[in-house]
Amino acid sequence: MGKTIVAIGEALWDVFPDQRRPGGAPCNVAFHAARLGDRGVIITRVGDDAPGDELVVFLRDRGVDTDYVQRDGTRPTGTVLVTIEGSDPQYAITEGVAWDHMAAEDAARALTATADAVCVGSLAQRGEASRAAIQQLLSDARGQALVVFDVNLRPPFIDAEAIAATLGVADVVKMSESEVARLSTLLDRPSLIGWLLESVGVQAVCVTRGKAGASITTLQGTVSAPGVEIDESAGDAVGAGDAFTAAMAHQFVRDATPQETLHAANRYAALVATKKGAMPVLSSEEVAGIGL
């Protein structure tokens, strides 16, 4: 049976040298939750403009619940300039856009209080309005839904206060290996993972290492899983981390063990990396083939 997995944050167009594609980490998470058979919901804000219309239609047509997308009559739909250096994506993120001004609407508050999981990052909290809205929605979700915080540090939009507040309500925290080091320095916590588990109350900390795999640490210990060998010649890494987050939430809300969760999330993220863009077309056979 599908679970309700809500993603909160930025919705935008990734603008590549040759084309544009729908993007934004929370949109990617909601998209992949829907691909995995869950009710993938996005809470965001887009402009009352053609790009906003196109983005909502794209998501809705692919099974994402867009009923909680807010429209902004004065600010445009967000964009990100994406370039690929080697196999790693680089981003230039437009400021002053619609998703910087999300509101904690009553319907969204009711949704987060009844969802199975709520996924959020740090980028969407760069603006005061969206930060306040997100913190309110997370407060509503706390103790009701599994709160998953995918840290996603995107310089120069790094706010230690917003990050600390989100860590304080998170059940699961996901970071890359480099983000662990950066966050340890930012928060002045040399033993970051231990502090999160023992003092903050986080239940699980997931550290991703790209092709080298990932680990999940709980108070019971650490489990690891190696990366999955893939042919990436026809794909790219854009959105693979968000696919991992969606698969991780999909597993955790079904009471999967950390080891089961890692293997499933690694396989799904690897599948997505064989395709172009953050929200590629995946057949039901491809998803079923990795055991999800």
Protein backbone atom coordinates (compact mmCIF):
# COMPACT_ATOMS: atom_id res chain seq x y z
CA MET A 1 0.00 0.00 0.00
CA GLY A 2 1.30 3.45 -0.87
CA LYS A 3 2.34 5.82 1.89
CA THR A 4 2.04 9.62 1.87
CA ILE A 5 5.47 11.17 1.43
CA VAL A 6 5.49 14.97 1.44
CA ALA A 7 8.39 17.05 0.16
CA ILE A 8 8.64 20.74 1.05
CA GLY A 9 10.75 23.35 -0.72
CA GLU A 10 11.95 24.65 -4.03
CA ALA A 11 10.29 23.96 -7.39
CA LEU A 12 12.14 25.22 -10.45
CA TRP A 13 13.49 24.64 -13.93
CA ASP A 14 17.02 23.30 -14.33
CA VAL A 15 18.39 25.18 -17.34
CA PHE A 16 21.07 23.20 -19.17
CA PRO A 17 23.16 24.45 -22.11
CA ASP A 18 20.90 22.62 -24.57
CA GLN A 19 17.52 22.44 -22.83
CA ARG A 20 15.59 22.95 -19.59
CA ARG A 21 14.20 20.27 -17.30
CA PRO A 22 11.94 20.41 -14.22
CA GLY A 23 13.93 20.30 -10.99
CA GLY A 24 14.34 21.30 -7.38
CA ALA A 25 15.33 18.68 -4.81
CA PRO A 26 11.88 18.49 -3.13
CA CYS A 27 10.15 18.12 -6.51
CA ASN A 28 12.59 15.35 -7.36
CA VAL A 29 11.83 13.58 -4.07
CA ALA A 30 8.05 13.82 -4.61
CA PHE A 31 8.46 12.61 -8.20
CA HIS A 32 10.49 9.57 -7.17
CA ALA A 33 8.16 8.79 -4.27
CA ALA A 34 5.36 8.60 -6.85
CA ARG A 35 7.52 6.38 -9.10
CA LEU A 36 7.97 4.04 -6.15
CA GLY A 37 4.22 3.71 -5.66
CA ASP A 38 3.70 6.18 -2.85
CA ARG A 39 1.57 9.31 -2.79
CA GLY A 40 4.29 11.83 -3.56
CA VAL A 41 3.18 15.34 -2.57
CA ILE A 42 5.01 18.63 -3.14
CA ILE A 43 4.46 21.74 -1.02
CA THR A 44 6.05 24.65 -2.85
CA ARG A 45 5.40 27.99 -4.55
CA VAL A 46 5.74 28.86 -8.23
CA GLY A 47 5.05 31.98 -10.22
CA ASP A 48 1.67 32.69 -11.74
CA ASP A 49 3.38 32.43 -15.10
CA ALA A 50 3.86 30.06 -18.03
CA PRO A 51 6.90 28.27 -16.52
CA GLY A 52 4.89 27.72 -13.33
CA ASP A 53 1.96 26.34 -15.31
CA GLU A 54 4.26 24.00 -17.23
CA LEU A 55 5.97 22.78 -14.07
CA VAL A 56 2.69 21.98 -12.32
CA VAL A 57 1.36 20.15 -15.39
CA PHE A 58 4.61 18.18 -15.74
CA LEU A 59 4.50 17.02 -12.12
CA ARG A 60 0.78 16.27 -12.12
CA ASP A 61 1.01 14.26 -15.33
CA ARG A 62 3.67 12.09 -13.72
CA GLY A 63 1.66 11.26 -10.64
CA VAL A 64 2.82 13.95 -8.20
CA ASP A 65 0.11 15.48 -6.00
CA THR A 66 0.27 19.21 -6.84
CA ASP A 67 -2.77 20.29 -4.82
CA TYR A 68 -0.50 22.10 -2.34
CA VAL A 69 1.45 24.16 -4.90
CA GLN A 70 1.02 27.86 -4.16
CA ARG A 71 0.99 30.49 -6.92
CA ASP A 72 2.75 33.87 -6.69
CA GLY A 73 1.45 36.77 -8.74
CA THR A 74 4.52 39.00 -8.32
CA ARG A 75 7.54 36.69 -8.31
CA PRO A 76 8.66 34.31 -11.07
CA THR A 77 9.03 30.56 -11.03
CA GLY A 78 12.55 29.60 -9.97
CA THR A 79 15.38 28.64 -12.31
CA VAL A 80 18.83 27.11 -11.88
CA LEU A 81 21.64 27.23 -14.42
CA VAL A 82 23.18 23.75 -14.51
CA THR A 83 26.56 22.85 -15.96
CA ILE A 84 28.29 19.47 -15.79
CA GLU A 85 31.99 19.42 -14.89
CA GLY A 86 33.25 15.89 -15.38
CA SER A 87 30.41 13.84 -13.89
CA ASP A 88 29.40 16.38 -11.22
CA PRO A 89 26.63 18.96 -11.66
CA GLN A 90 27.30 22.62 -10.78
CA TYR A 91 24.47 25.04 -9.99
CA ALA A 92 23.80 28.79 -10.21
CA ILE A 93 20.53 29.38 -8.34
CA THR A 94 18.31 32.38 -9.15
CA GLU A 95 17.28 34.51 -6.16
CA GLY A 96 14.08 36.42 -5.38
CA VAL A 97 11.76 33.79 -6.86
CA ALA A 98 8.40 32.34 -5.86
CA TRP A 99 9.70 29.47 -3.72
CA ASP A 100 11.46 31.97 -1.45
CA HIS A 101 8.01 33.11 -0.31
CA MET A 102 6.12 29.96 0.68
CA ALA A 103 3.37 30.20 3.30
CA ALA A 104 2.25 27.66 5.92
CA GLU A 105 -1.30 27.39 4.61
CA ASP A 106 -3.89 25.54 6.71
CA ALA A 107 -4.27 22.69 4.21
CA ALA A 108 -0.51 22.14 4.10
CA ARG A 109 -0.31 22.14 7.89
CA ALA A 110 -3.02 19.51 8.09
CA LEU A 111 -1.22 17.43 5.47
CA THR A 112 2.15 17.40 7.23
CA ALA A 113 0.48 16.43 10.50
CA THR A 114 -1.03 13.31 8.90
CA ALA A 115 1.66 12.27 6.41
CA ASP A 116 3.81 9.17 6.79
CA ALA A 117 7.00 11.09 5.99
CA VAL A 118 7.94 14.73 5.44
CA CYS A 119 11.17 15.46 3.55
CA VAL A 120 12.89 18.84 3.61
CA GLY A 121 16.24 20.37 2.71
CA SER A 122 18.11 23.50 3.70
CA LEU A 123 18.17 25.49 0.43
CA ALA A 124 14.49 26.46 0.54
CA GLN A 125 15.09 28.07 3.93
CA ARG A 126 17.41 30.75 2.53
CA GLY A 127 14.56 33.32 2.63
CA GLU A 128 12.84 34.49 5.81
CA ALA A 129 9.29 33.80 4.61
CA SER A 130 9.90 30.24 3.42
CA ARG A 131 12.05 29.48 6.46
CA ALA A 132 9.22 30.45 8.81
CA ALA A 133 6.71 28.45 6.77
CA ILE A 134 8.89 25.35 6.66
CA GLN A 135 9.62 25.46 10.38
CA GLN A 136 5.88 25.73 11.10
CA LEU A 137 5.12 22.75 8.84
CA LEU A 138 7.86 20.71 10.47
CA SER A 139 6.52 21.60 13.90
CA ASP A 140 3.13 20.26 12.80
CA ALA A 141 4.76 17.08 11.50
CA ARG A 142 6.94 16.41 14.53
CA GLY A 143 5.85 13.33 16.39
CA GLN A 144 3.33 12.50 13.66
CA ALA A 145 5.34 11.94 10.47
CA LEU A 146 8.88 10.71 9.92
CA VAL A 147 10.85 13.93 9.34
CA VAL A 148 13.70 13.44 6.87
CA PHE A 149 16.25 16.27 6.56
CA ASP A 150 18.43 16.10 3.45
CA VAL A 151 20.94 18.80 4.30
CA ASN A 152 21.89 19.77 0.71
CA LEU A 153 24.37 22.59 1.42
CA ARG A 154 24.37 25.02 -1.52
CA PRO A 155 26.81 27.94 -1.04
CA PRO A 156 26.27 30.80 -0.50
CA PHE A 157 22.84 29.84 0.87
CA ILE A 158 23.98 28.24 4.12
CA ASP A 159 22.34 29.41 7.36
CA ALA A 160 23.56 27.74 10.55
CA GLU A 161 20.51 28.82 12.55
CA ALA A 162 18.03 27.35 10.06
CA ILE A 163 20.04 24.14 9.80
CA ALA A 164 20.24 23.76 13.59
CA ALA A 165 16.49 24.34 13.93
CA THR A 166 15.73 21.68 11.30
CA LEU A 167 18.13 19.19 12.87
CA GLY A 168 16.22 19.69 16.11
CA VAL A 169 12.99 18.27 14.64
CA ALA A 170 14.48 15.66 12.27
CA ASP A 171 14.15 11.92 12.74
CA VAL A 172 16.49 11.06 9.86
CA VAL A 173 19.36 13.23 8.61
CA LYS A 174 21.05 12.59 5.25
CA MET A 175 24.35 14.20 4.25
CA SER A 176 27.19 13.60 1.86
CA GLU A 177 30.60 12.83 3.31
CA SER A 178 31.80 16.35 2.47
CA GLU A 179 28.71 17.88 4.07
CA VAL A 180 29.46 16.05 7.32
CA ALA A 181 32.83 17.82 7.49
CA ARG A 182 31.38 21.20 6.55
CA LEU A 183 28.49 20.93 8.99
CA SER A 184 30.80 19.82 11.80
CA THR A 185 32.75 23.04 11.32
CA LEU A 186 29.67 25.22 10.82
CA LEU A 187 28.03 24.01 14.04
CA ASP A 188 31.30 23.55 15.94
CA ARG A 189 30.52 19.89 16.60
CA PRO A 190 33.63 17.76 15.94
CA SER A 191 31.68 14.57 16.70
CA LEU A 192 28.68 15.59 14.63
CA ILE A 193 26.99 12.21 14.15
CA GLY A 194 27.31 11.22 17.80
CA TRP A 195 25.96 14.59 18.86
CA LEU A 196 22.95 14.27 16.54
CA LEU A 197 22.08 10.82 17.85
CA GLU A 198 22.87 11.25 21.52
CA SER A 199 22.00 14.89 22.22
CA VAL A 200 19.66 16.13 19.50
CA GLY A 201 17.47 13.04 19.30
CA VAL A 202 17.92 12.15 15.63
CA GLN A 203 17.10 8.46 15.08
CA ALA A 204 19.34 7.77 12.07
CA VAL A 205 22.11 9.58 10.20
CA CYS A 206 22.76 8.57 6.60
CA VAL A 207 26.10 9.51 5.01
CA THR A 208 26.36 9.13 1.23
CA ARG A 209 29.65 8.66 -0.60
CA GLY A 210 28.60 8.66 -4.24
CA LYS A 211 29.95 5.67 -6.13
CA ALA A 212 31.50 4.36 -2.89
CA GLY A 213 28.06 3.72 -1.38
CA ALA A 214 26.52 4.94 1.86
CA SER A 215 26.13 4.22 5.57
CA ILE A 216 23.42 4.62 8.19
CA THR A 217 24.31 5.17 11.85
CA THR A 218 21.87 4.72 14.73
CA LEU A 219 22.42 4.28 18.45
CA GLN A 220 22.69 0.56 17.69
CA GLY A 221 25.70 1.07 15.41
CA THR A 222 26.67 1.69 11.79
CA VAL A 223 25.79 -0.35 8.71
CA SER A 224 27.23 0.28 5.24
CA ALA A 225 26.49 -0.72 1.67
CA PRO A 226 28.79 -0.43 -1.34
CA GLY A 227 27.93 1.57 -4.43
CA VAL A 228 26.26 -0.07 -7.42
CA GLU A 229 28.22 -0.46 -10.64
CA ILE A 230 26.35 1.15 -13.53
CA ASP A 231 26.83 2.24 -17.10
CA GLU A 232 26.50 6.01 -16.77
CA SER A 233 27.50 6.84 -20.35
CA ALA A 234 23.90 7.71 -21.24
CA GLY A 235 22.99 9.34 -17.92
CA ASP A 236 24.11 11.90 -15.35
CA ALA A 237 24.18 12.37 -11.57
CA VAL A 238 21.57 15.15 -11.51
CA GLY A 239 18.89 14.19 -9.00
CA ALA A 240 20.44 10.86 -7.99
CA GLY A 241 20.77 12.03 -4.39
CA ASP A 242 17.10 13.01 -4.30
CA ALA A 243 16.16 9.61 -5.73
CA PHE A 244 18.15 8.07 -2.86
CA THR A 245 16.23 10.22 -0.36
CA ALA A 246 12.86 9.16 -1.77
CA ALA A 247 13.81 5.49 -1.70
CA MET A 248 15.18 5.84 1.84
CA ALA A 249 11.91 7.40 3.05
CA HIS A 250 9.95 4.73 1.14
CA GLN A 251 11.82 2.04 3.04
CA PHE A 252 11.87 3.65 6.50
CA VAL A 253 8.09 4.22 6.61
CA ARG A 254 7.72 0.49 5.94
CA ASP A 255 9.92 -0.33 8.94
CA ALA A 256 12.78 -1.65 6.80
CA THR A 257 16.08 -2.18 8.57
CA PRO A 258 18.93 0.28 7.94
CA GLN A 259 20.71 -2.39 5.87
CA GLU A 260 17.63 -3.07 3.72
CA THR A 261 17.09 0.66 3.35
CA LEU A 262 20.65 1.29 2.17
CA HIS A 263 20.64 -1.46 -0.44
CA ALA A 264 17.30 -0.33 -1.85
CA ALA A 265 18.22 3.36 -1.93
CA ASN A 266 21.59 2.65 -3.55
CA ARG A 267 20.00 0.52 -6.27
CA TYR A 268 17.30 3.08 -7.03
CA ALA A 269 19.72 6.03 -7.13
CA ALA A 270 22.01 4.05 -9.45
CA LEU A 271 19.08 3.35 -11.78
CA VAL A 272 18.25 7.06 -11.94
CA ALA A 273 21.90 7.92 -12.67
CA THR A 274 21.73 5.82 -15.85
CA LYS A 275 19.21 8.35 -17.20
CA LYS A 276 19.42 12.02 -18.13
CA GLY A 277 18.02 14.63 -15.75
CA ALA A 278 16.56 14.63 -12.26
CA MET A 279 13.13 13.21 -13.18
CA PRO A 280 13.71 10.61 -15.87
CA VAL A 281 11.11 8.29 -17.30
CA LEU A 282 11.34 4.93 -15.51
CA SER A 283 9.31 1.92 -16.48
CA SER A 284 7.51 -0.13 -13.85
CA GLU A 285 9.68 -3.05 -14.96
CA GLU A 286 12.88 -1.12 -14.23
CA VAL A 287 11.68 -0.18 -10.74
CA ALA A 288 10.43 -3.69 -10.03
CA GLY A 289 13.77 -5.05 -11.23
CA ILE A 290 15.60 -3.51 -8.29
CA GLY A 291 13.20 -4.93 -5.74
CA LEU A 292 11.17 -1.85 -4.83
